[in-house]
Amino acid sequence: VYTAVMSVLTLGVLIFVHELGHFLVAKWCRVCVLDFSIGFGRAIWKKKYGETTYHLRIIPLGGYVKMLGDDPFEKFGEEQPSAADGKAPQKSEGSEAPAPGL
Protein backbone atom coordinates (compact mmCIF):
# COMPACT_ATOMS: atom_id res chain seq x y z
CA VAL A 1 0.00 0.00 0.00
CA TYR A 2 2.85 2.37 0.88
CA THR A 3 4.50 1.77 -2.51
CA ALA A 4 1.25 2.45 -4.37
CA VAL A 5 0.62 5.69 -2.47
CA MET A 6 4.19 6.88 -3.00
CA SER A 7 3.99 6.00 -6.71
CA VAL A 8 0.81 8.05 -7.16
CA LEU A 9 2.32 10.99 -5.25
CA THR A 10 5.53 10.85 -7.31
CA LEU A 11 3.56 10.68 -10.54
CA GLY A 12 1.45 13.62 -9.34
CA VAL A 13 4.58 15.72 -8.75
CA LEU A 14 5.92 14.86 -12.22
CA ILE A 15 2.59 15.76 -13.83
CA PHE A 16 2.47 19.05 -11.91
CA VAL A 17 5.98 20.03 -13.04
CA HIS A 18 5.18 19.04 -16.63
CA GLU A 19 1.96 21.07 -16.77
CA LEU A 20 3.61 23.97 -14.94
CA GLY A 21 6.09 24.13 -17.83
CA HIS A 22 3.23 24.63 -20.30
CA PHE A 23 1.63 27.21 -18.01
CA LEU A 24 4.78 29.28 -17.44
CA VAL A 25 5.79 29.36 -21.11
CA ALA A 26 2.23 30.34 -22.11
CA LYS A 27 2.28 33.18 -19.59
CA TRP A 28 5.76 34.21 -20.74
CA CYS A 29 4.46 34.35 -24.33
CA ARG A 30 1.42 36.36 -23.14
CA VAL A 31 -1.07 33.63 -24.06
CA CYS A 32 -4.26 33.64 -21.99
CA VAL A 33 -4.50 30.47 -19.86
CA LEU A 34 -8.11 29.56 -19.13
CA ASP A 35 -7.62 26.35 -17.08
CA PHE A 36 -4.76 24.70 -15.20
CA SER A 37 -5.79 21.22 -14.09
CA ILE A 38 -4.03 18.39 -12.29
CA GLY A 39 -5.90 15.11 -12.65
CA PHE A 40 -8.99 14.02 -14.55
CA GLY A 41 -12.63 13.51 -13.65
CA ARG A 42 -14.71 15.51 -11.22
CA ALA A 43 -13.04 18.52 -9.58
CA ILE A 44 -12.43 18.13 -5.85
CA TRP A 45 -11.00 21.66 -5.55
CA LYS A 46 -11.30 24.66 -7.82
CA LYS A 47 -10.21 28.30 -7.54
CA LYS A 48 -10.41 31.13 -10.05
CA TYR A 49 -7.57 33.61 -9.87
CA GLY A 50 -7.47 36.27 -12.57
CA GLU A 51 -8.22 34.76 -15.97
CA THR A 52 -7.24 31.21 -14.93
CA THR A 53 -9.28 28.56 -13.13
CA TYR A 54 -7.11 26.11 -11.18
CA HIS A 55 -8.45 22.56 -10.67
CA LEU A 56 -7.44 19.56 -8.59
CA ARG A 57 -9.34 16.56 -9.88
CA ILE A 58 -10.14 13.16 -8.43
CA ILE A 59 -8.00 10.92 -10.71
CA PRO A 60 -4.36 12.09 -10.38
CA LEU A 61 -3.06 10.43 -13.55
CA GLY A 62 -2.74 13.41 -15.88
CA GLY A 63 -3.48 17.05 -16.31
CA TYR A 64 -3.89 19.82 -18.82
CA VAL A 65 -3.48 23.51 -19.47
CA LYS A 66 -6.25 25.03 -21.59
CA MET A 67 -5.17 28.15 -23.46
CA LEU A 68 -7.26 30.65 -25.34
CA GLY A 69 -7.16 29.58 -28.96
CA ASP A 70 -6.62 25.85 -28.25
CA ASP A 71 -10.01 24.96 -29.73
CA PRO A 72 -10.12 25.68 -33.48
CA PHE A 73 -13.93 26.02 -33.30
CA GLU A 74 -13.84 28.43 -30.37
CA LYS A 75 -15.46 31.79 -31.03
CA PHE A 76 -13.62 34.81 -29.65
CA GLY A 77 -16.06 37.20 -28.09
CA GLU A 78 -16.53 39.55 -25.22
CA GLU A 79 -17.24 36.68 -22.79
CA GLN A 80 -13.73 35.28 -23.29
CA PRO A 81 -10.73 36.74 -21.45
CA SER A 82 -8.10 38.27 -23.67
CA ALA A 83 -4.38 38.78 -23.57
CA ALA A 84 -2.83 41.78 -21.86
CA ASP A 85 -2.90 43.81 -25.07
CA GLY A 86 -6.64 43.23 -25.55
CA LYS A 87 -6.37 40.89 -28.55
CA ALA A 88 -7.07 37.18 -28.71
CA PRO A 89 -3.54 35.84 -29.16
CA GLN A 90 -2.47 33.11 -31.53
CA LYS A 91 -1.05 30.10 -29.77
CA SER A 92 2.73 30.32 -29.57
CA GLU A 93 4.80 27.35 -30.69
CA GLY A 94 6.96 27.83 -27.61
CA SER A 95 4.07 26.95 -25.30
CA GLU A 96 4.28 23.34 -26.55
CA ALA A 97 8.04 23.07 -26.21
CA PRO A 98 8.46 22.08 -22.53
CA ALA A 99 6.49 18.84 -22.88
CA PRO A 100 9.13 16.74 -24.66
CA GLY A 101 11.89 18.12 -22.45
CA LEU A 102 10.30 17.06 -19.16
C-alpha atoms as a PDB file:
ATOM      1  CA  VAL A   1       0.000   0.000   0.000  1.00  0.00           C
ATOM      2  CA  TYR A   2       2.846   2.370   0.876  1.00  0.00           C
ATOM      3  CA  THR A   3       4.496   1.771  -2.508  1.00  0.00           C
ATOM      4  CA  ALA A   4       1.249   2.453  -4.369  1.00  0.00           C
ATOM      5  CA  VAL A   5       0.621   5.694  -2.471  1.00  0.00           C
ATOM      6  CA  MET A   6       4.193   6.884  -3.005  1.00  0.00           C
ATOM      7  CA  SER A   7       3.991   5.995  -6.708  1.00  0.00           C
ATOM      8  CA  VAL A   8       0.807   8.048  -7.162  1.00  0.00           C
ATOM      9  CA  LEU A   9       2.323  10.989  -5.253  1.00  0.00           C
ATOM     10  CA  THR A  10       5.535  10.852  -7.309  1.00  0.00           C
ATOM     11  CA  LEU A  11       3.555  10.682 -10.542  1.00  0.00           C
ATOM     12  CA  GLY A  12       1.449  13.624  -9.342  1.00  0.00           C
ATOM     13  CA  VAL A  13       4.578  15.723  -8.748  1.00  0.00           C
ATOM     14  CA  LEU A  14       5.919  14.859 -12.222  1.00  0.00           C
ATOM     15  CA  ILE A  15       2.585  15.756 -13.829  1.00  0.00           C
ATOM     16  CA  PHE A  16       2.466  19.048 -11.907  1.00  0.00           C
ATOM     17  CA  VAL A  17       5.976  20.032 -13.042  1.00  0.00           C
ATOM     18  CA  HIS A  18       5.178  19.038 -16.633  1.00  0.00           C
ATOM     19  CA  GLU A  19       1.955  21.074 -16.770  1.00  0.00           C
ATOM     20  CA  LEU A  20       3.608  23.966 -14.937  1.00  0.00           C
ATOM     21  CA  GLY A  21       6.088  24.131 -17.831  1.00  0.00           C
ATOM     22  CA  HIS A  22       3.226  24.630 -20.298  1.00  0.00           C
ATOM     23  CA  PHE A  23       1.625  27.209 -18.007  1.00  0.00           C
ATOM     24  CA  LEU A  24       4.780  29.278 -17.444  1.00  0.00           C
ATOM     25  CA  VAL A  25       5.790  29.358 -21.111  1.00  0.00           C
ATOM     26  CA  ALA A  26       2.231  30.340 -22.110  1.00  0.00           C
ATOM     27  CA  LYS A  27       2.280  33.181 -19.586  1.00  0.00           C
ATOM     28  CA  TRP A  28       5.757  34.212 -20.740  1.00  0.00           C
ATOM     29  CA  CYS A  29       4.461  34.354 -24.334  1.00  0.00           C
ATOM     30  CA  ARG A  30       1.423  36.358 -23.138  1.00  0.00           C
ATOM     31  CA  VAL A  31      -1.066  33.627 -24.062  1.00  0.00           C
ATOM     32  CA  CYS A  32      -4.258  33.636 -21.994  1.00  0.00           C
ATOM     33  CA  VAL A  33      -4.497  30.471 -19.862  1.00  0.00           C
ATOM     34  CA  LEU A  34      -8.112  29.556 -19.130  1.00  0.00           C
ATOM     35  CA  ASP A  35      -7.618  26.347 -17.082  1.00  0.00           C
ATOM     36  CA  PHE A  36      -4.756  24.698 -15.203  1.00  0.00           C
ATOM     37  CA  SER A  37      -5.792  21.222 -14.086  1.00  0.00           C
ATOM     38  CA  ILE A  38      -4.029  18.389 -12.287  1.00  0.00           C
ATOM     39  CA  GLY A  39      -5.899  15.110 -12.648  1.00  0.00           C
ATOM     40  CA  PHE A  40      -8.987  14.017 -14.551  1.00  0.00           C
ATOM     41  CA  GLY A  41     -12.626  13.508 -13.649  1.00  0.00           C
ATOM     42  CA  ARG A  42     -14.711  15.514 -11.219  1.00  0.00           C
ATOM     43  CA  ALA A  43     -13.041  18.520  -9.584  1.00  0.00           C
ATOM     44  CA  ILE A  44     -12.426  18.134  -5.849  1.00  0.00           C
ATOM     45  CA  TRP A  45     -10.998  21.657  -5.549  1.00  0.00           C
ATOM     46  CA  LYS A  46     -11.299  24.664  -7.822  1.00  0.00           C
ATOM     47  CA  LYS A  47     -10.211  28.295  -7.538  1.00  0.00           C
ATOM     48  CA  LYS A  48     -10.412  31.129 -10.055  1.00  0.00           C
ATOM     49  CA  TYR A  49      -7.570  33.605  -9.869  1.00  0.00           C
ATOM     50  CA  GLY A  50      -7.474  36.269 -12.571  1.00  0.00           C
ATOM     51  CA  GLU A  51      -8.217  34.760 -15.969  1.00  0.00           C
ATOM     52  CA  THR A  52      -7.237  31.210 -14.933  1.00  0.00           C
ATOM     53  CA  THR A  53      -9.282  28.556 -13.126  1.00  0.00           C
ATOM     54  CA  TYR A  54      -7.113  26.106 -11.179  1.00  0.00           C
ATOM     55  CA  HIS A  55      -8.451  22.560 -10.672  1.00  0.00           C
ATOM     56  CA  LEU A  56      -7.435  19.556  -8.594  1.00  0.00           C
ATOM     57  CA  ARG A  57      -9.344  16.557  -9.878  1.00  0.00           C
ATOM     58  CA  ILE A  58     -10.137  13.161  -8.425  1.00  0.00           C
ATOM     59  CA  ILE A  59      -7.996  10.917 -10.709  1.00  0.00           C
ATOM     60  CA  PRO A  60      -4.357  12.091 -10.376  1.00  0.00           C
ATOM     61  CA  LEU A  61      -3.065  10.432 -13.554  1.00  0.00           C
ATOM     62  CA  GLY A  62      -2.736  13.405 -15.880  1.00  0.00           C
ATOM     63  CA  GLY A  63      -3.481  17.049 -16.308  1.00  0.00           C
ATOM     64  CA  TYR A  64      -3.892  19.816 -18.819  1.00  0.00           C
ATOM     65  CA  VAL A  65      -3.478  23.509 -19.472  1.00  0.00           C
ATOM     66  CA  LYS A  66      -6.253  25.031 -21.592  1.00  0.00           C
ATOM     67  CA  MET A  67      -5.169  28.147 -23.457  1.00  0.00           C
ATOM     68  CA  LEU A  68      -7.257  30.653 -25.336  1.00  0.00           C
ATOM     69  CA  GLY A  69      -7.160  29.576 -28.961  1.00  0.00           C
ATOM     70  CA  ASP A  70      -6.623  25.847 -28.249  1.00  0.00           C
ATOM     71  CA  ASP A  71     -10.010  24.959 -29.734  1.00  0.00           C
ATOM     72  CA  PRO A  72     -10.117  25.680 -33.482  1.00  0.00           C
ATOM     73  CA  PHE A  73     -13.926  26.016 -33.297  1.00  0.00           C
ATOM     74  CA  GLU A  74     -13.840  28.434 -30.369  1.00  0.00           C
ATOM     75  CA  LYS A  75     -15.463  31.795 -31.027  1.00  0.00           C
ATOM     76  CA  PHE A  76     -13.619  34.808 -29.654  1.00  0.00           C
ATOM     77  CA  GLY A  77     -16.060  37.202 -28.089  1.00  0.00           C
ATOM     78  CA  GLU A  78     -16.529  39.551 -25.219  1.00  0.00           C
ATOM     79  CA  GLU A  79     -17.241  36.684 -22.792  1.00  0.00           C
ATOM     80  CA  GLN A  80     -13.729  35.279 -23.287  1.00  0.00           C
ATOM     81  CA  PRO A  81     -10.729  36.737 -21.455  1.00  0.00           C
ATOM     82  CA  SER A  82      -8.099  38.270 -23.667  1.00  0.00           C
ATOM     83  CA  ALA A  83      -4.376  38.782 -23.572  1.00  0.00           C
ATOM     84  CA  ALA A  84      -2.826  41.784 -21.856  1.00  0.00           C
ATOM     85  CA  ASP A  85      -2.902  43.815 -25.066  1.00  0.00           C
ATOM     86  CA  GLY A  86      -6.645  43.227 -25.547  1.00  0.00           C
ATOM     87  CA  LYS A  87      -6.368  40.890 -28.546  1.00  0.00           C
ATOM     88  CA  ALA A  88      -7.069  37.179 -28.710  1.00  0.00           C
ATOM     89  CA  PRO A  89      -3.535  35.843 -29.161  1.00  0.00           C
ATOM     90  CA  GLN A  90      -2.466  33.114 -31.526  1.00  0.00           C
ATOM     91  CA  LYS A  91      -1.045  30.099 -29.771  1.00  0.00           C
ATOM     92  CA  SER A  92       2.726  30.321 -29.572  1.00  0.00           C
ATOM     93  CA  GLU A  93       4.802  27.353 -30.694  1.00  0.00           C
ATOM     94  CA  GLY A  94       6.957  27.835 -27.610  1.00  0.00           C
ATOM     95  CA  SER A  95       4.072  26.950 -25.304  1.00  0.00           C
ATOM     96  CA  GLU A  96       4.276  23.340 -26.551  1.00  0.00           C
ATOM     97  CA  ALA A  97       8.038  23.068 -26.214  1.00  0.00           C
ATOM     98  CA  PRO A  98       8.463  22.084 -22.530  1.00  0.00           C
ATOM     99  CA  ALA A  99       6.487  18.839 -22.876  1.00  0.00           C
ATOM    100  CA  PRO A 100       9.127  16.741 -24.656  1.00  0.00           C
ATOM    101  CA  GLY A 101      11.891  18.117 -22.452  1.00  0.00           C
ATOM    102  CA  LEU A 102      10.302  17.057 -19.158  1.00  0.00           C
END
